[in-house]
Amino acid sequence: MVSPLLRLFAIVLQLPDEDYLYMIYHPRTEDEWKAADYGKKGGHTDLGTVTLLFRQHVAGLQILGEHGNWTWVSAQPGTITVNLADTISHLTGGWLKSSVHRVAAPPPDQREYNRTGLLYFARPHNDTVLLPITNSPVLQKAGVKPRSEGNVTMEQWVKAKQTLQLNPQIAEERYPKNGDGTVEVLAGFKDQKYKE
């Protein structure tokens, strides 16, 4: 669905290539992958509700399993991978968990190919307060509680999370303060670094 639209925009704009607007991961050399630690330090959760990833034949996505093991997400033809994100976790009081994932170096036999990143990030309106949904019998029975202190809006959450994600120098200053690999993002809610 997104792919034809991006091609159409490129045609209308008379761009030199119909794939011009795609996010393309070009092959890296072994030295470049080594310098990037093969993507092993990039574990994170997304800040919205869900992320839809339109998959292709080149592997690159890994998820963190319950036992701390990184696992490849197999790209099946014609499928969309759904990553749950922080907001759905906030709205369910942690009953639904954010998918911890990373973009890693493809397996050696797939590193010579381009990968196109077709992603759709969904999130609620900025005024949405990130408290657990109160009219869900499932969440009531589970006794879920808010994951942060006070009424945090989506707009506040986005600004706080992106401050860490987009400013490595701020993240580097704040993560060591707790001594446990976590950092307070906002109103008592902590995020953590996910490593190898």
Protein backbone atom coordinates (compact mmCIF):
# COMPACT_ATOMS: atom_id res chain seq x y z
CA MET A 1 0.00 0.00 0.00
CA VAL A 2 2.76 2.50 0.90
CA SER A 3 5.06 1.36 -1.90
CA PRO A 4 2.80 2.40 -4.83
CA LEU A 5 2.17 5.79 -3.18
CA LEU A 6 5.88 6.52 -2.82
CA ARG A 7 6.43 5.55 -6.46
CA LEU A 8 3.52 7.76 -7.53
CA PHE A 9 4.92 10.74 -5.61
CA ALA A 10 8.31 10.20 -7.27
CA ILE A 11 6.69 10.11 -10.72
CA VAL A 12 4.57 13.23 -10.06
CA LEU A 13 7.65 15.06 -8.77
CA GLN A 14 9.63 13.86 -11.82
CA LEU A 15 12.37 12.47 -9.62
CA PRO A 16 15.23 10.60 -11.33
CA ASP A 17 14.23 7.23 -9.85
CA GLU A 18 10.82 5.80 -8.86
CA ASP A 19 12.42 4.43 -5.67
CA TYR A 20 13.81 7.86 -4.72
CA LEU A 21 11.55 8.29 -1.65
CA TYR A 22 12.24 4.86 -0.18
CA MET A 23 14.42 4.41 2.88
CA ILE A 24 17.08 2.13 1.43
CA TYR A 25 19.67 0.34 3.52
CA HIS A 26 22.62 -0.01 1.17
CA PRO A 27 25.13 -2.82 1.64
CA ARG A 28 27.97 -1.97 4.01
CA THR A 29 31.50 -3.26 3.92
CA GLU A 30 32.69 -5.63 6.63
CA ASP A 31 34.73 -2.76 8.13
CA GLU A 32 31.61 -0.54 8.24
CA TRP A 33 29.58 -3.28 9.96
CA LYS A 34 32.40 -3.88 12.41
CA ALA A 35 32.58 -0.14 13.23
CA ALA A 36 28.80 -0.19 13.85
CA ASP A 37 29.21 -3.31 16.05
CA TYR A 38 26.91 -5.11 13.61
CA GLY A 39 23.89 -3.24 15.04
CA LYS A 40 24.20 -5.01 18.41
CA LYS A 41 23.83 -1.83 20.49
CA GLY A 42 20.66 -0.60 18.81
CA GLY A 43 18.02 -2.44 20.83
CA HIS A 44 15.02 -0.22 21.55
CA THR A 45 11.27 0.08 21.73
CA ASP A 46 9.22 2.40 19.53
CA LEU A 47 7.30 5.26 21.11
CA GLY A 48 3.92 4.97 19.37
CA THR A 49 1.13 2.40 19.51
CA VAL A 50 2.26 0.00 16.78
CA THR A 51 4.84 -0.06 14.02
CA LEU A 52 4.02 -1.89 10.80
CA LEU A 53 6.99 -3.20 8.84
CA PHE A 54 6.42 -4.23 5.25
CA ARG A 55 8.87 -7.09 4.89
CA GLN A 56 11.21 -8.30 2.18
CA HIS A 57 13.61 -11.15 1.61
CA VAL A 58 16.66 -9.62 3.34
CA ALA A 59 16.89 -10.22 7.09
CA GLY A 60 17.71 -7.31 9.36
CA LEU A 61 15.17 -7.27 12.18
CA GLN A 62 15.81 -9.03 15.47
CA ILE A 63 13.63 -9.16 18.60
CA LEU A 64 14.71 -9.69 22.17
CA GLY A 65 13.16 -12.83 23.64
CA GLU A 66 12.16 -13.57 27.22
CA HIS A 67 15.52 -15.15 28.06
CA GLY A 68 17.60 -12.27 26.70
CA ASN A 69 18.34 -13.88 23.34
CA TRP A 70 18.16 -11.91 20.10
CA THR A 71 16.16 -13.78 17.45
CA TRP A 72 15.80 -13.09 13.74
CA VAL A 73 12.29 -12.20 12.60
CA SER A 74 11.68 -14.30 9.52
CA ALA A 75 10.35 -12.28 6.61
CA GLN A 76 7.55 -14.29 5.03
CA PRO A 77 6.38 -13.24 1.54
CA GLY A 78 3.38 -10.92 1.56
CA THR A 79 3.40 -10.35 5.31
CA ILE A 80 3.56 -7.33 7.57
CA THR A 81 5.42 -7.52 10.87
CA VAL A 82 3.69 -5.72 13.75
CA ASN A 83 5.81 -4.33 16.59
CA LEU A 84 3.88 -3.30 19.66
CA ALA A 85 5.17 0.01 20.96
CA ASP A 86 5.34 1.98 24.21
CA THR A 87 2.00 3.75 23.93
CA ILE A 88 -0.06 0.54 23.71
CA SER A 89 1.91 -0.68 26.70
CA HIS A 90 1.08 2.52 28.63
CA LEU A 91 -2.62 2.29 27.66
CA THR A 92 -2.77 -1.30 28.94
CA GLY A 93 -0.71 -0.68 32.08
CA GLY A 94 2.02 -2.96 30.75
CA TRP A 95 -0.38 -5.85 30.02
CA LEU A 96 0.72 -5.62 26.39
CA LYS A 97 4.50 -5.28 26.16
CA SER A 98 6.54 -3.15 23.80
CA SER A 99 8.56 -5.20 21.32
CA VAL A 100 12.26 -4.77 22.03
CA HIS A 101 13.94 -4.94 18.65
CA ARG A 102 16.96 -3.83 16.67
CA VAL A 103 18.10 -3.47 13.08
CA ALA A 104 21.13 -5.71 12.87
CA ALA A 105 23.63 -6.62 10.19
CA PRO A 106 21.99 -9.12 7.86
CA PRO A 107 23.43 -12.64 7.89
CA PRO A 108 26.67 -12.71 5.85
CA ASP A 109 25.02 -14.36 2.82
CA GLN A 110 22.51 -11.46 2.55
CA ARG A 111 24.76 -8.43 3.16
CA GLU A 112 25.31 -7.67 -0.52
CA TYR A 113 21.65 -6.72 -1.14
CA ASN A 114 19.84 -3.43 -0.69
CA ARG A 115 16.98 -3.44 1.83
CA THR A 116 14.09 -1.06 1.56
CA GLY A 117 12.63 0.19 4.82
CA LEU A 118 8.87 0.55 4.48
CA LEU A 119 7.55 1.43 7.92
CA TYR A 120 4.32 2.84 9.27
CA PHE A 121 4.37 4.31 12.77
CA ALA A 122 0.96 4.74 14.44
CA ARG A 123 0.27 6.75 17.57
CA PRO A 124 -2.66 8.49 19.24
CA HIS A 125 -3.44 12.20 19.16
CA ASN A 126 -1.10 14.45 21.16
CA ASP A 127 -3.78 15.15 23.81
CA THR A 128 -4.26 11.47 24.68
CA VAL A 129 -3.44 10.82 28.34
CA LEU A 130 -1.39 7.64 28.69
CA LEU A 131 -3.35 6.01 31.49
CA PRO A 132 -4.65 2.43 31.37
CA ILE A 133 -7.94 1.94 29.57
CA THR A 134 -10.53 1.71 32.36
CA ASN A 135 -13.46 0.08 30.56
CA SER A 136 -11.64 -3.14 29.62
CA PRO A 137 -12.80 -6.13 31.70
CA VAL A 138 -9.51 -7.87 30.87
CA LEU A 139 -7.41 -5.00 32.21
CA GLN A 140 -9.68 -4.58 35.23
CA LYS A 141 -9.31 -8.26 36.09
CA ALA A 142 -5.52 -8.02 35.67
CA GLY A 143 -5.48 -5.05 38.06
CA VAL A 144 -3.27 -2.96 35.82
CA LYS A 145 -1.85 0.30 37.13
CA PRO A 146 -0.40 3.34 35.35
CA ARG A 147 3.23 2.95 34.27
CA SER A 148 4.13 6.55 35.05
CA GLU A 149 3.43 9.08 37.76
CA GLY A 150 0.69 11.59 36.94
CA ASN A 151 -1.15 12.29 33.73
CA VAL A 152 1.34 12.15 30.87
CA THR A 153 0.08 13.10 27.42
CA MET A 154 1.20 11.58 24.15
CA GLU A 155 2.85 14.87 23.20
CA GLN A 156 4.89 14.91 26.42
CA TRP A 157 5.86 11.25 25.92
CA VAL A 158 7.02 11.81 22.34
CA LYS A 159 9.15 14.83 23.27
CA ALA A 160 10.77 13.05 26.22
CA LYS A 161 11.48 9.79 24.38
CA GLN A 162 12.76 11.53 21.26
CA THR A 163 15.06 13.70 23.37
CA LEU A 164 16.88 10.49 24.31
CA GLN A 165 16.64 8.81 20.91
CA LEU A 166 17.76 11.78 18.83
CA ASN A 167 20.41 13.23 21.13
CA PRO A 168 23.14 10.68 21.85
CA GLN A 169 25.04 13.16 24.03
CA ILE A 170 22.01 13.59 26.35
CA ALA A 171 21.47 9.82 26.48
CA GLU A 172 25.14 9.25 27.29
CA GLU A 173 24.91 11.72 30.19
CA ARG A 174 21.65 10.38 31.62
CA TYR A 175 21.97 6.58 31.32
CA PRO A 176 24.93 6.16 33.71
CA LYS A 177 23.20 8.11 36.52
CA ASN A 178 21.06 5.17 37.72
CA GLY A 179 23.88 2.66 37.43
CA ASP A 180 21.53 -0.07 36.19
CA GLY A 181 21.33 0.66 32.45
CA THR A 182 18.02 2.53 32.81
CA VAL A 183 17.06 6.16 32.47
CA GLU A 184 13.95 8.03 33.55
CA VAL A 185 12.20 9.15 30.38
CA LEU A 186 9.33 10.99 32.03
CA ALA A 187 7.27 10.98 35.25
CA GLY A 188 8.93 7.93 36.77
CA PHE A 189 8.77 5.75 33.64
CA LYS A 190 12.15 4.22 32.90
CA ASP A 191 13.60 3.03 29.64
CA GLN A 192 16.68 0.90 29.29
CA LYS A 193 19.54 0.16 26.96
CA TYR A 194 19.31 -3.22 25.33
CA LYS A 195 22.63 -4.76 24.37
CA GLU A 196 24.01 -7.93 22.93
